[in-house]
């Protein structure tokens, strides 16, 4: 099975009653190609088609199809949660880490854990630092969650935390920041992509404190909060990425060569991309937000939460 066939299979698993036209849009292929792929999947018993009426067909992924999907999924998620959250201390009073900031009654990191486990992730590693015992409680609550403490969290950037986890990361993984709220589509698209590595981007959010990304020659070229330091802006960094073991090893190498204690994982991706192709995916209308300060939190309450509720992701 090739990458396009697998992508269509995953889409069918996610939406049983989807039309072939909609599949073509999501898979980025022509309607004719989808028709050929559907015939192949049905012939090889990856999918069964149940005719509901003369116009509508329901597709059901078989056990053989489910096994093919499961084999292709990224199974590990890493959440970087060591930060001090100083810009949120007017809200948290330094009583809870920012990953435990509640939106509609649920903490940010716990919300991410639930979305990850729902979308094929079998192991979630949380790298902790400030107020680490809060995250340890999540490891007690969820059998698939593990915590690792970065003892140098006060004086180092996020790449230091990612490096601490190196003995626990065996394969490809999703890398997430701890202060995010986002729609589930972000994870579904990362599981569906055929890209080995994938930096997820969105269109303009106008949220403040954005990380802008410039791409050149189908590769990540530069990431910066200073839009004027980039020649062009392709999208905004979401803070959810698919990282292969190959890219991770290159990031670790860049980290060991760097003398800046505040070296962040974004810098390592950018540096690795100078000699390595790092893929990317832009979802123009992706619904997401980072919560780094009180203004971000207010924006989430006023704009993001109502939209997530409309999508049925917040009750």
C-alpha atoms as a PDB file:
ATOM      1  CA  UNK A   1       0.000   0.000   0.000  1.00  0.00           C
ATOM      2  CA  UNK A   2       1.413   3.379  -0.984  1.00  0.00           C
ATOM      3  CA  UNK A   3       1.191   6.613   0.993  1.00  0.00           C
ATOM      4  CA  UNK A   4      -1.862   7.986  -0.870  1.00  0.00           C
ATOM      5  CA  UNK A   5      -3.794   4.751  -0.398  1.00  0.00           C
ATOM      6  CA  UNK A   6      -2.933   4.732   3.284  1.00  0.00           C
ATOM      7  CA  UNK A   7      -4.011   8.362   3.671  1.00  0.00           C
ATOM      8  CA  UNK A   8      -7.394   7.645   2.094  1.00  0.00           C
ATOM      9  CA  UNK A   9      -7.775   4.592   4.347  1.00  0.00           C
ATOM     10  CA  UNK A  10      -7.148   6.728   7.428  1.00  0.00           C
ATOM     11  CA  UNK A  11      -9.673   9.329   6.291  1.00  0.00           C
ATOM     12  CA  UNK A  12     -12.295   6.606   5.771  1.00  0.00           C
ATOM     13  CA  UNK A  13     -11.636   5.309   9.265  1.00  0.00           C
ATOM     14  CA  UNK A  14     -12.204   8.776  10.704  1.00  0.00           C
ATOM     15  CA  UNK A  15     -15.387   9.508   8.719  1.00  0.00           C
ATOM     16  CA  UNK A  16     -17.521   6.556   7.586  1.00  0.00           C
ATOM     17  CA  UNK A  17     -20.086   8.553   5.617  1.00  0.00           C
ATOM     18  CA  UNK A  18     -17.678  10.878   3.816  1.00  0.00           C
ATOM     19  CA  UNK A  19     -18.120  11.458   0.092  1.00  0.00           C
ATOM     20  CA  UNK A  20     -15.375  10.695  -2.422  1.00  0.00           C
ATOM     21  CA  UNK A  21     -15.274  14.376  -3.340  1.00  0.00           C
ATOM     22  CA  UNK A  22     -14.579  15.275   0.310  1.00  0.00           C
ATOM     23  CA  UNK A  23     -11.937  12.548   0.517  1.00  0.00           C
ATOM     24  CA  UNK A  24     -10.229  14.042  -2.541  1.00  0.00           C
ATOM     25  CA  UNK A  25     -10.152  17.470  -0.877  1.00  0.00           C
ATOM     26  CA  UNK A  26      -8.702  16.140   2.368  1.00  0.00           C
ATOM     27  CA  UNK A  27      -6.193  13.818   0.702  1.00  0.00           C
ATOM     28  CA  UNK A  28      -5.073  16.426  -1.844  1.00  0.00           C
ATOM     29  CA  UNK A  29      -5.665  14.182  -4.850  1.00  0.00           C
ATOM     30  CA  UNK A  30      -8.063  14.171  -7.791  1.00  0.00           C
ATOM     31  CA  UNK A  31     -11.531  12.640  -7.654  1.00  0.00           C
ATOM     32  CA  UNK A  32     -10.472  10.083 -10.263  1.00  0.00           C
ATOM     33  CA  UNK A  33      -7.516   9.040  -8.111  1.00  0.00           C
ATOM     34  CA  UNK A  34      -9.793   8.586  -5.099  1.00  0.00           C
ATOM     35  CA  UNK A  35     -12.121   6.414  -7.182  1.00  0.00           C
ATOM     36  CA  UNK A  36      -9.192   4.175  -8.184  1.00  0.00           C
ATOM     37  CA  UNK A  37      -7.900   4.009  -4.608  1.00  0.00           C
ATOM     38  CA  UNK A  38     -11.358   3.094  -3.300  1.00  0.00           C
ATOM     39  CA  UNK A  39     -11.589   0.253  -5.805  1.00  0.00           C
ATOM     40  CA  UNK A  40      -8.159  -1.007  -4.696  1.00  0.00           C
ATOM     41  CA  UNK A  41      -9.018  -0.806  -0.976  1.00  0.00           C
ATOM     42  CA  UNK A  42     -12.284  -2.660  -1.460  1.00  0.00           C
ATOM     43  CA  UNK A  43     -10.737  -5.290  -3.740  1.00  0.00           C
ATOM     44  CA  UNK A  44      -7.919  -5.979  -1.235  1.00  0.00           C
ATOM     45  CA  UNK A  45     -10.402  -6.163   1.677  1.00  0.00           C
ATOM     46  CA  UNK A  46      -9.088  -3.096   3.496  1.00  0.00           C
ATOM     47  CA  UNK A  47     -12.538  -1.494   3.209  1.00  0.00           C
ATOM     48  CA  UNK A  48     -16.114  -2.677   2.773  1.00  0.00           C
ATOM     49  CA  UNK A  49     -18.783  -0.538   1.153  1.00  0.00           C
ATOM     50  CA  UNK A  50     -22.348  -0.723   2.464  1.00  0.00           C
ATOM     51  CA  UNK A  51     -24.954   0.851   0.184  1.00  0.00           C
ATOM     52  CA  UNK A  52     -27.401   2.836   2.332  1.00  0.00           C
ATOM     53  CA  UNK A  53     -29.557   3.949  -0.594  1.00  0.00           C
ATOM     54  CA  UNK A  54     -29.161   4.804  -4.277  1.00  0.00           C
ATOM     55  CA  UNK A  55     -27.171   7.940  -3.390  1.00  0.00           C
ATOM     56  CA  UNK A  56     -25.307   7.189  -0.138  1.00  0.00           C
ATOM     57  CA  UNK A  57     -22.649   4.624   0.714  1.00  0.00           C
ATOM     58  CA  UNK A  58     -21.097   3.927   4.107  1.00  0.00           C
ATOM     59  CA  UNK A  59     -17.496   2.735   4.158  1.00  0.00           C
ATOM     60  CA  UNK A  60     -16.264   0.408   6.862  1.00  0.00           C
ATOM     61  CA  UNK A  61     -12.587  -0.280   7.474  1.00  0.00           C
ATOM     62  CA  UNK A  62     -11.997  -4.005   7.950  1.00  0.00           C
ATOM     63  CA  UNK A  63      -9.751  -5.667  10.508  1.00  0.00           C
ATOM     64  CA  UNK A  64      -7.054  -5.900   7.836  1.00  0.00           C
ATOM     65  CA  UNK A  65      -7.428  -2.174   7.208  1.00  0.00           C
ATOM     66  CA  UNK A  66      -7.276  -1.360  10.908  1.00  0.00           C
ATOM     67  CA  UNK A  67      -4.044  -3.322  11.222  1.00  0.00           C
ATOM     68  CA  UNK A  68      -2.519  -1.363   8.323  1.00  0.00           C
ATOM     69  CA  UNK A  69      -3.547   1.933   9.940  1.00  0.00           C
ATOM     70  CA  UNK A  70      -2.239   0.935  13.364  1.00  0.00           C
ATOM     71  CA  UNK A  71       1.126  -0.072  11.921  1.00  0.00           C
ATOM     72  CA  UNK A  72       1.554   3.392  10.361  1.00  0.00           C
ATOM     73  CA  UNK A  73       0.595   5.539  13.344  1.00  0.00           C
ATOM     74  CA  UNK A  74       2.951   7.566  15.483  1.00  0.00           C
ATOM     75  CA  UNK A  75       2.569   6.048  18.968  1.00  0.00           C
ATOM     76  CA  UNK A  76       4.511   8.425  21.259  1.00  0.00           C
ATOM     77  CA  UNK A  77       3.729  11.961  22.357  1.00  0.00           C
ATOM     78  CA  UNK A  78       6.146  14.261  24.200  1.00  0.00           C
ATOM     79  CA  UNK A  79       4.846  17.320  26.041  1.00  0.00           C
ATOM     80  CA  UNK A  80       7.340  19.962  27.165  1.00  0.00           C
ATOM     81  CA  UNK A  81       6.042  21.262  30.497  1.00  0.00           C
ATOM     82  CA  UNK A  82       9.074  22.377  32.485  1.00  0.00           C
ATOM     83  CA  UNK A  83       8.629  26.137  32.133  1.00  0.00           C
ATOM     84  CA  UNK A  84       8.109  28.611  34.955  1.00  0.00           C
ATOM     85  CA  UNK A  85       5.091  30.300  33.380  1.00  0.00           C
ATOM     86  CA  UNK A  86       6.153  33.684  34.752  1.00  0.00           C
ATOM     87  CA  UNK A  87       3.865  35.707  32.477  1.00  0.00           C
ATOM     88  CA  UNK A  88       0.847  33.837  33.827  1.00  0.00           C
ATOM     89  CA  UNK A  89       1.610  34.227  37.506  1.00  0.00           C
ATOM     90  CA  UNK A  90      -0.979  36.994  37.832  1.00  0.00           C
ATOM     91  CA  UNK A  91      -3.485  34.201  37.098  1.00  0.00           C
ATOM     92  CA  UNK A  92      -1.848  31.103  38.582  1.00  0.00           C
ATOM     93  CA  UNK A  93      -0.276  32.883  41.596  1.00  0.00           C
ATOM     94  CA  UNK A  94       2.469  30.300  41.122  1.00  0.00           C
ATOM     95  CA  UNK A  95       0.163  27.767  42.754  1.00  0.00           C
ATOM     96  CA  UNK A  96      -0.156  25.590  39.648  1.00  0.00           C
ATOM     97  CA  UNK A  97       2.001  25.200  36.509  1.00  0.00           C
ATOM     98  CA  UNK A  98       0.618  26.761  33.353  1.00  0.00           C
ATOM     99  CA  UNK A  99      -0.169  23.347  31.900  1.00  0.00           C
ATOM    100  CA  UNK A 100      -2.720  23.006  34.686  1.00  0.00           C
ATOM    101  CA  UNK A 101      -4.437  26.254  33.802  1.00  0.00           C
ATOM    102  CA  UNK A 102      -8.080  25.304  33.409  1.00  0.00           C
ATOM    103  CA  UNK A 103     -10.221  26.252  30.451  1.00  0.00           C
ATOM    104  CA  UNK A 104     -13.863  25.211  30.778  1.00  0.00           C
ATOM    105  CA  UNK A 105     -13.041  23.039  33.772  1.00  0.00           C
ATOM    106  CA  UNK A 106     -10.106  21.079  32.368  1.00  0.00           C
ATOM    107  CA  UNK A 107      -6.351  21.679  32.471  1.00  0.00           C
ATOM    108  CA  UNK A 108      -4.486  22.302  29.215  1.00  0.00           C
ATOM    109  CA  UNK A 109      -2.128  19.341  29.469  1.00  0.00           C
ATOM    110  CA  UNK A 110      -4.836  16.904  30.546  1.00  0.00           C
ATOM    111  CA  UNK A 111      -6.913  18.030  27.579  1.00  0.00           C
ATOM    112  CA  UNK A 112      -3.910  17.302  25.320  1.00  0.00           C
ATOM    113  CA  UNK A 113      -3.413  13.875  26.890  1.00  0.00           C
ATOM    114  CA  UNK A 114      -7.010  12.916  26.183  1.00  0.00           C
ATOM    115  CA  UNK A 115      -6.776  14.078  22.558  1.00  0.00           C
ATOM    116  CA  UNK A 116      -3.478  12.239  22.044  1.00  0.00           C
ATOM    117  CA  UNK A 117      -4.777   8.954  23.459  1.00  0.00           C
ATOM    118  CA  UNK A 118      -7.878   9.274  21.288  1.00  0.00           C
ATOM    119  CA  UNK A 119      -5.731   9.676  18.160  1.00  0.00           C
ATOM    120  CA  UNK A 120      -3.436   6.675  18.218  1.00  0.00           C
ATOM    121  CA  UNK A 121      -0.848   7.760  20.799  1.00  0.00           C
ATOM    122  CA  UNK A 122      -0.068   4.973  23.250  1.00  0.00           C
ATOM    123  CA  UNK A 123       2.616   6.621  25.389  1.00  0.00           C
ATOM    124  CA  UNK A 124       2.743  10.235  26.562  1.00  0.00           C
ATOM    125  CA  UNK A 125       5.974  11.554  28.059  1.00  0.00           C
ATOM    126  CA  UNK A 126       5.749  14.810  29.983  1.00  0.00           C
ATOM    127  CA  UNK A 127       9.038  16.582  30.669  1.00  0.00           C
ATOM    128  CA  UNK A 128       8.511  18.505  33.891  1.00  0.00           C
ATOM    129  CA  UNK A 129      10.314  21.121  35.939  1.00  0.00           C
ATOM    130  CA  UNK A 130       8.435  23.826  37.809  1.00  0.00           C
ATOM    131  CA  UNK A 131       5.798  22.390  40.189  1.00  0.00           C
ATOM    132  CA  UNK A 132       6.462  18.946  38.751  1.00  0.00           C
ATOM    133  CA  UNK A 133       4.306  17.089  41.271  1.00  0.00           C
ATOM    134  CA  UNK A 134       1.175  18.272  39.471  1.00  0.00           C
ATOM    135  CA  UNK A 135       2.220  16.392  36.352  1.00  0.00           C
ATOM    136  CA  UNK A 136       3.227  13.376  38.440  1.00  0.00           C
ATOM    137  CA  UNK A 137      -0.422  13.194  39.501  1.00  0.00           C
ATOM    138  CA  UNK A 138      -1.397  12.797  35.831  1.00  0.00           C
ATOM    139  CA  UNK A 139       1.027   9.873  35.541  1.00  0.00           C
ATOM    140  CA  UNK A 140      -0.808   8.269  38.446  1.00  0.00           C
ATOM    141  CA  UNK A 141      -4.185   8.926  36.817  1.00  0.00           C
ATOM    142  CA  UNK A 142      -3.307   7.721  33.298  1.00  0.00           C
ATOM    143  CA  UNK A 143      -1.410   4.447  32.857  1.00  0.00           C
ATOM    144  CA  UNK A 144      -0.034   5.645  29.483  1.00  0.00           C
ATOM    145  CA  UNK A 145       1.540   8.823  30.925  1.00  0.00           C
ATOM    146  CA  UNK A 146       5.133   9.084  32.183  1.00  0.00           C
ATOM    147  CA  UNK A 147       7.000  12.039  33.647  1.00  0.00           C
ATOM    148  CA  UNK A 148      10.677  12.981  33.464  1.00  0.00           C
ATOM    149  CA  UNK A 149      12.097  15.846  35.506  1.00  0.00           C
ATOM    150  CA  UNK A 150      14.484  18.397  34.018  1.00  0.00           C
ATOM    151  CA  UNK A 151      16.521  19.482  37.024  1.00  0.00           C
ATOM    152  CA  UNK A 152      17.935  22.465  35.092  1.00  0.00           C
ATOM    153  CA  UNK A 153      14.528  23.828  34.075  1.00  0.00           C
ATOM    154  CA  UNK A 154      15.095  27.251  35.683  1.00  0.00           C
ATOM    155  CA  UNK A 155      18.123  28.112  33.552  1.00  0.00           C
ATOM    156  CA  UNK A 156      17.594  26.335  30.241  1.00  0.00           C
ATOM    157  CA  UNK A 157      15.413  26.459  27.130  1.00  0.00           C
ATOM    158  CA  UNK A 158      12.972  23.880  25.843  1.00  0.00           C
ATOM    159  CA  UNK A 159      15.604  21.879  23.931  1.00  0.00           C
ATOM    160  CA  UNK A 160      17.203  21.015  27.256  1.00  0.00           C
ATOM    161  CA  UNK A 161      13.932  19.413  28.315  1.00  0.00           C
ATOM    162  CA  UNK A 162      13.619  17.508  25.055  1.00  0.00           C
ATOM    163  CA  UNK A 163      17.180  16.240  25.477  1.00  0.00           C
ATOM    164  CA  UNK A 164      16.378  14.948  28.979  1.00  0.00           C
ATOM    165  CA  UNK A 165      13.867  12.562  27.392  1.00  0.00           C
ATOM    166  CA  UNK A 166      16.347  11.020  24.936  1.00  0.00           C
ATOM    167  CA  UNK A 167      16.617   7.669  26.731  1.00  0.00           C
ATOM    168  CA  UNK A 168      12.830   7.297  26.727  1.00  0.00           C
ATOM    169  CA  UNK A 169      12.151   8.176  23.072  1.00  0.00           C
ATOM    170  CA  UNK A 170      12.683   5.172  20.830  1.00  0.00           C
ATOM    171  CA  UNK A 171      10.798   6.058  17.655  1.00  0.00           C
ATOM    172  CA  UNK A 172       9.035   8.924  15.887  1.00  0.00           C
ATOM    173  CA  UNK A 173       6.928  11.126  18.147  1.00  0.00           C
ATOM    174  CA  UNK A 174       4.595  14.088  18.349  1.00  0.00           C
ATOM    175  CA  UNK A 175       6.156  17.048  20.121  1.00  0.00           C
ATOM    176  CA  UNK A 176       3.789  19.439  21.881  1.00  0.00           C
ATOM    177  CA  UNK A 177       4.054  22.511  24.043  1.00  0.00           C
ATOM    178  CA  UNK A 178       2.147  22.469  27.318  1.00  0.00           C
ATOM    179  CA  UNK A 179       0.271  25.755  27.027  1.00  0.00           C
ATOM    180  CA  UNK A 180      -1.894  24.963  24.003  1.00  0.00           C
ATOM    181  CA  UNK A 181      -5.579  24.551  23.345  1.00  0.00           C
ATOM    182  CA  UNK A 182      -6.452  23.265  19.882  1.00  0.00           C
ATOM    183  CA  UNK A 183      -8.931  21.333  17.812  1.00  0.00           C
ATOM    184  CA  UNK A 184      -8.462  17.618  17.387  1.00  0.00           C
ATOM    185  CA  UNK A 185      -7.965  18.072  13.644  1.00  0.00           C
ATOM    186  CA  UNK A 186      -4.349  19.070  14.350  1.00  0.00           C
ATOM    187  CA  UNK A 187      -3.510  15.566  15.566  1.00  0.00           C
ATOM    188  CA  UNK A 188      -5.585  13.809  12.915  1.00  0.00           C
ATOM    189  CA  UNK A 189      -3.754  15.635  10.130  1.00  0.00           C
ATOM    190  CA  UNK A 190      -0.363  14.786  11.637  1.00  0.00           C
ATOM    191  CA  UNK A 191      -1.349  11.119  11.844  1.00  0.00           C
ATOM    192  CA  UNK A 192      -2.572  11.253   8.248  1.00  0.00           C
ATOM    193  CA  UNK A 193       0.444  12.961   6.701  1.00  0.00           C
ATOM    194  CA  UNK A 194       2.947  10.912   4.734  1.00  0.00           C
ATOM    195  CA  UNK A 195       5.682  13.359   5.746  1.00  0.00           C
ATOM    196  CA  UNK A 196       8.472  11.848   7.837  1.00  0.00           C
ATOM    197  CA  UNK A 197       8.812  15.112   9.781  1.00  0.00           C
ATOM    198  CA  UNK A 198       6.134  17.759   9.963  1.00  0.00           C
ATOM    199  CA  UNK A 199       6.103  21.219  11.538  1.00  0.00           C
ATOM    200  CA  UNK A 200       2.445  22.173  11.881  1.00  0.00           C
ATOM    201  CA  UNK A 201       1.511  25.733  10.927  1.00  0.00           C
ATOM    202  CA  UNK A 202      -1.636  27.806  10.785  1.00  0.00           C
ATOM    203  CA  UNK A 203      -2.676  30.971   9.035  1.00  0.00           C
ATOM    204  CA  UNK A 204      -2.483  34.340  10.773  1.00  0.00           C
ATOM    205  CA  UNK A 205      -3.999  34.364  14.276  1.00  0.00           C
ATOM    206  CA  UNK A 206      -3.151  37.953  15.308  1.00  0.00           C
ATOM    207  CA  UNK A 207      -2.886  36.599  18.834  1.00  0.00           C
ATOM    208  CA  UNK A 208       0.323  38.365  19.876  1.00  0.00           C
ATOM    209  CA  UNK A 209       3.669  36.636  20.549  1.00  0.00           C
ATOM    210  CA  UNK A 210       3.423  34.564  17.351  1.00  0.00           C
ATOM    211  CA  UNK A 211       6.349  32.572  15.977  1.00  0.00           C
ATOM    212  CA  UNK A 212       6.493  33.209  12.216  1.00  0.00           C
ATOM    213  CA  UNK A 213       7.985  30.725   9.768  1.00  0.00           C
ATOM    214  CA  UNK A 214       9.767  31.264   6.479  1.00  0.00           C
ATOM    215  CA  UNK A 215      10.130  28.318   4.110  1.00  0.00           C
ATOM    216  CA  UNK A 216      12.479  27.955   1.148  1.00  0.00           C
ATOM    217  CA  UNK A 217      12.845  25.098  -1.327  1.00  0.00           C
ATOM    218  CA  UNK A 218      10.143  23.074   0.451  1.00  0.00           C
ATOM    219  CA  UNK A 219      12.081  23.200   3.712  1.00  0.00           C
ATOM    220  CA  UNK A 220      11.927  25.078   7.000  1.00  0.00           C
ATOM    221  CA  UNK A 221      14.287  28.040   6.655  1.00  0.00           C
ATOM    222  CA  UNK A 222      13.756  30.342   9.612  1.00  0.00           C
ATOM    223  CA  UNK A 223      11.499  30.742  12.656  1.00  0.00           C
ATOM    224  CA  UNK A 224      11.242  33.999  14.576  1.00  0.00           C
ATOM    225  CA  UNK A 225       8.922  36.168  16.658  1.00  0.00           C
ATOM    226  CA  UNK A 226      10.335  39.136  14.748  1.00  0.00           C
ATOM    227  CA  UNK A 227       8.415  39.169  11.468  1.00  0.00           C
ATOM    228  CA  UNK A 228      10.831  41.771  10.078  1.00  0.00           C
ATOM    229  CA  UNK A 229      13.739  39.319  10.273  1.00  0.00           C
ATOM    230  CA  UNK A 230      12.038  37.087   7.690  1.00  0.00           C
ATOM    231  CA  UNK A 231      11.917  37.731   3.958  1.00  0.00           C
ATOM    232  CA  UNK A 232       8.489  36.133   3.749  1.00  0.00           C
ATOM    233  CA  UNK A 233       6.005  34.553   6.148  1.00  0.00           C
ATOM    234  CA  UNK A 234       4.498  31.214   5.184  1.00  0.00           C
ATOM    235  CA  UNK A 235       2.641  30.521   8.426  1.00  0.00           C
ATOM    236  CA  UNK A 236       2.652  30.527  12.221  1.00  0.00           C
ATOM    237  CA  UNK A 237       4.151  27.825  14.429  1.00  0.00           C
ATOM    238  CA  UNK A 238       1.387  25.974  16.275  1.00  0.00           C
ATOM    239  CA  UNK A 239       3.598  24.115  18.739  1.00  0.00           C
ATOM    240  CA  UNK A 240       2.539  20.614  17.632  1.00  0.00           C
ATOM    241  CA  UNK A 241       5.074  18.757  15.484  1.00  0.00           C
ATOM    242  CA  UNK A 242       5.811  15.303  14.134  1.00  0.00           C
ATOM    243  CA  UNK A 243       9.474  14.442  14.723  1.00  0.00           C
ATOM    244  CA  UNK A 244      11.248  11.408  13.285  1.00  0.00           C
ATOM    245  CA  UNK A 245      14.014   9.692  15.198  1.00  0.00           C
ATOM    246  CA  UNK A 246      16.405  10.889  12.483  1.00  0.00           C
ATOM    247  CA  UNK A 247      15.460  14.548  12.963  1.00  0.00           C
ATOM    248  CA  UNK A 248      15.551  14.159  16.760  1.00  0.00           C
ATOM    249  CA  UNK A 249      19.119  12.847  16.608  1.00  0.00           C
ATOM    250  CA  UNK A 250      20.084  15.843  14.477  1.00  0.00           C
ATOM    251  CA  UNK A 251      18.391  18.202  16.935  1.00  0.00           C
ATOM    252  CA  UNK A 252      20.316  16.610  19.804  1.00  0.00           C
ATOM    253  CA  UNK A 253      23.556  17.099  17.872  1.00  0.00           C
ATOM    254  CA  UNK A 254      22.768  20.782  17.309  1.00  0.00           C
ATOM    255  CA  UNK A 255      21.966  21.114  20.999  1.00  0.00           C
ATOM    256  CA  UNK A 256      25.310  19.668  22.080  1.00  0.00           C
ATOM    257  CA  UNK A 257      27.136  22.090  19.755  1.00  0.00           C
ATOM    258  CA  UNK A 258      25.292  25.156  21.051  1.00  0.00           C
ATOM    259  CA  UNK A 259      26.470  27.198  24.033  1.00  0.00           C
ATOM    260  CA  UNK A 260      23.262  29.198  24.537  1.00  0.00           C
ATOM    261  CA  UNK A 261      21.509  27.882  27.691  1.00  0.00           C
ATOM    262  CA  UNK A 262      18.199  29.281  26.396  1.00  0.00           C
ATOM    263  CA  UNK A 263      18.315  27.130  23.273  1.00  0.00           C
ATOM    264  CA  UNK A 264      14.780  26.139  22.310  1.00  0.00           C
ATOM    265  CA  UNK A 265      13.566  23.198  20.265  1.00  0.00           C
ATOM    266  CA  UNK A 266      12.532  25.562  17.439  1.00  0.00           C
ATOM    267  CA  UNK A 267      16.158  26.668  17.104  1.00  0.00           C
ATOM    268  CA  UNK A 268      17.273  23.030  16.889  1.00  0.00           C
ATOM    269  CA  UNK A 269      14.759  22.318  14.114  1.00  0.00           C
ATOM    270  CA  UNK A 270      15.902  25.408  12.228  1.00  0.00           C
ATOM    271  CA  UNK A 271      19.584  24.505  12.624  1.00  0.00           C
ATOM    272  CA  UNK A 272      18.998  20.870  11.630  1.00  0.00           C
ATOM    273  CA  UNK A 273      17.110  22.033   8.530  1.00  0.00           C
ATOM    274  CA  UNK A 274      20.289  23.614   7.154  1.00  0.00           C
ATOM    275  CA  UNK A 275      21.441  20.122   6.167  1.00  0.00           C
ATOM    276  CA  UNK A 276      18.215  18.140   6.281  1.00  0.00           C
ATOM    277  CA  UNK A 277      14.721  18.472   4.793  1.00  0.00           C
ATOM    278  CA  UNK A 278      12.116  19.209   7.473  1.00  0.00           C
ATOM    279  CA  UNK A 279       8.578  18.870   6.165  1.00  0.00           C
ATOM    280  CA  UNK A 280       5.682  21.099   7.112  1.00  0.00           C
ATOM    281  CA  UNK A 281       1.922  21.295   6.889  1.00  0.00           C
ATOM    282  CA  UNK A 282      -0.147  24.470   6.953  1.00  0.00           C
ATOM    283  CA  UNK A 283      -3.795  24.324   7.984  1.00  0.00           C
ATOM    284  CA  UNK A 284      -4.976  27.819   7.193  1.00  0.00           C
ATOM    285  CA  UNK A 285      -8.071  27.800   9.384  1.00  0.00           C
ATOM    286  CA  UNK A 286      -6.819  25.625  12.235  1.00  0.00           C
ATOM    287  CA  UNK A 287      -8.435  26.576  15.528  1.00  0.00           C
ATOM    288  CA  UNK A 288      -5.805  26.841  18.254  1.00  0.00           C
ATOM    289  CA  UNK A 289      -4.175  29.158  20.776  1.00  0.00           C
ATOM    290  CA  UNK A 290      -1.180  29.418  23.041  1.00  0.00           C
ATOM    291  CA  UNK A 291      -1.796  30.753  26.535  1.00  0.00           C
ATOM    292  CA  UNK A 292       1.297  32.589  27.720  1.00  0.00           C
ATOM    293  CA  UNK A 293      -0.270  35.584  29.468  1.00  0.00           C
ATOM    294  CA  UNK A 294      -3.577  37.064  30.619  1.00  0.00           C
ATOM    295  CA  UNK A 295      -4.338  38.567  27.206  1.00  0.00           C
ATOM    296  CA  UNK A 296      -3.961  35.155  25.578  1.00  0.00           C
ATOM    297  CA  UNK A 297      -6.303  33.644  28.156  1.00  0.00           C
ATOM    298  CA  UNK A 298      -8.939  36.308  27.544  1.00  0.00           C
ATOM    299  CA  UNK A 299      -8.707  35.712  23.791  1.00  0.00           C
ATOM    300  CA  UNK A 300      -9.213  31.997  24.335  1.00  0.00           C
ATOM    301  CA  UNK A 301     -12.297  32.579  26.464  1.00  0.00           C
ATOM    302  CA  UNK A 302     -13.801  35.103  24.051  1.00  0.00           C
ATOM    303  CA  UNK A 303     -12.906  33.588  20.665  1.00  0.00           C
ATOM    304  CA  UNK A 304     -11.460  30.091  20.803  1.00  0.00           C
ATOM    305  CA  UNK A 305     -13.741  28.387  23.330  1.00  0.00           C
ATOM    306  CA  UNK A 306     -16.981  29.378  21.549  1.00  0.00           C
ATOM    307  CA  UNK A 307     -15.587  28.055  18.258  1.00  0.00           C
ATOM    308  CA  UNK A 308     -14.456  24.790  19.866  1.00  0.00           C
ATOM    309  CA  UNK A 309     -17.899  24.448  21.382  1.00  0.00           C
ATOM    310  CA  UNK A 310     -19.471  24.846  17.945  1.00  0.00           C
ATOM    311  CA  UNK A 311     -17.278  21.974  16.742  1.00  0.00           C
ATOM    312  CA  UNK A 312     -18.389  19.816  19.676  1.00  0.00           C
ATOM    313  CA  UNK A 313     -14.905  19.654  21.220  1.00  0.00           C
ATOM    314  CA  UNK A 314     -15.946  21.497  24.375  1.00  0.00           C
ATOM    315  CA  UNK A 315     -19.309  20.689  25.946  1.00  0.00           C
END
